Amino acid sequence: MDGYRILLGFSDGMSGIVDFTDIIQTFPAARPLADKEVFQQFHLDDWPTLVWPCGFDFSPESLYERATGQRVSWLHEGVVAETTNA
């Protein structure tokens, strides 16, 4: 794929493309991935987490949500959104 995009397939048959551009721009730990040669060195570890030799990784649950647009419900259990009164 071009740019900072990876096509992913999942064990439930779902698939999708994850664009890492915003991740690279937002998180300092991901900045080495701006070098396209470094970005292309990804692989899946035993969990299977997407990892790079520079030490950056991205969880399979988060990849699934980004690739499919479907929320992994157990990942968000117990999370309470904070609200403020303006």
Protein backbone atom coordinates (compact mmCIF):
# COMPACT_ATOMS: atom_id res chain seq x y z
CA MET A 1 0.00 0.00 0.00
CA ASP A 2 1.08 3.58 -0.43
CA GLY A 3 1.84 6.10 2.28
CA TYR A 4 1.54 4.82 5.82
CA ARG A 5 -1.32 2.41 5.17
CA ILE A 6 -1.47 -1.32 5.86
CA LEU A 7 -4.16 -3.72 4.64
CA LEU A 8 -5.08 -6.10 7.47
CA GLY A 9 -7.16 -9.28 7.62
CA PHE A 10 -8.61 -10.71 10.83
CA SER A 11 -9.54 -14.20 11.98
CA ASP A 12 -13.28 -13.38 11.87
CA GLY A 13 -13.05 -12.68 8.13
CA MET A 14 -13.13 -8.89 8.49
CA SER A 15 -10.48 -6.79 6.78
CA GLY A 16 -9.62 -3.17 6.27
CA ILE A 17 -6.93 -0.59 5.80
CA VAL A 18 -5.29 1.23 8.69
CA ASP A 19 -3.67 4.59 7.92
CA PHE A 20 -0.92 5.35 10.44
CA THR A 21 -0.33 8.95 9.34
CA ASP A 22 -2.11 10.50 12.33
CA ILE A 23 -0.45 8.04 14.73
CA ILE A 24 3.02 8.92 13.42
CA GLN A 25 2.25 12.63 13.76
CA THR A 26 0.69 12.35 17.24
CA PHE A 27 2.83 9.93 19.22
CA PRO A 28 6.56 10.57 19.74
CA ALA A 29 7.24 6.82 20.01
CA ALA A 30 5.87 6.40 16.46
CA ARG A 31 7.95 9.16 14.86
CA PRO A 32 10.68 6.79 13.59
CA LEU A 33 7.96 5.30 11.35
CA ALA A 34 7.92 8.53 9.32
CA ASP A 35 10.92 7.00 7.54
CA LYS A 36 9.14 4.77 5.01
CA GLU A 37 11.92 2.18 5.11
CA VAL A 38 11.40 1.85 8.88
CA PHE A 39 7.61 1.81 8.47
CA GLN A 40 7.80 -1.09 6.04
CA GLN A 41 9.70 -3.25 8.56
CA PHE A 42 6.56 -4.21 10.54
CA HIS A 43 5.65 -7.76 11.51
CA LEU A 44 3.21 -9.57 13.79
CA ASP A 45 4.56 -10.92 17.06
CA ASP A 46 3.16 -13.93 18.96
CA TRP A 47 0.17 -12.02 20.42
CA PRO A 48 -0.39 -10.96 17.37
CA THR A 49 0.56 -7.34 17.83
CA LEU A 50 1.85 -5.26 14.93
CA VAL A 51 5.43 -4.32 15.88
CA TRP A 52 8.40 -2.49 14.42
CA PRO A 53 12.12 -2.94 15.19
CA CYS A 54 12.21 0.64 16.60
CA GLY A 55 10.06 -0.60 19.51
CA PHE A 56 6.70 0.86 18.48
CA ASP A 57 3.71 -1.49 18.52
CA PHE A 58 -0.04 -1.33 18.00
CA SER A 59 -2.51 -3.68 19.65
CA PRO A 60 -4.64 -6.05 17.57
CA GLU A 61 -7.82 -4.69 19.20
CA SER A 62 -7.00 -1.12 18.22
CA LEU A 63 -6.04 -2.24 14.73
CA TYR A 64 -9.38 -4.05 14.42
CA GLU A 65 -11.33 -0.96 15.45
CA ARG A 66 -9.43 1.27 13.02
CA ALA A 67 -9.58 -1.21 10.13
CA THR A 68 -13.22 -2.25 10.42
CA GLY A 69 -14.87 0.70 12.15
CA GLN A 70 -16.38 -1.75 14.63
CA ARG A 71 -15.92 -1.24 18.34
CA VAL A 72 -14.34 -4.01 20.41
CA SER A 73 -16.83 -3.86 23.29
CA TRP A 74 -14.77 -5.58 25.98
CA LEU A 75 -11.95 -3.12 25.35
CA HIS A 76 -14.19 -0.27 26.52
CA GLU A 77 -15.98 -1.97 29.43
CA GLY A 78 -15.82 0.07 32.59
CA VAL A 79 -14.68 3.21 30.79
CA VAL A 80 -16.67 6.17 32.05
CA ALA A 81 -16.72 9.31 29.95
CA GLU A 82 -16.12 12.48 31.90
CA THR A 83 -18.42 15.40 31.35
CA THR A 84 -18.20 18.96 32.52
CA ASN A 85 -20.92 21.49 33.09
CA ALA A 86 -20.25 24.62 31.10
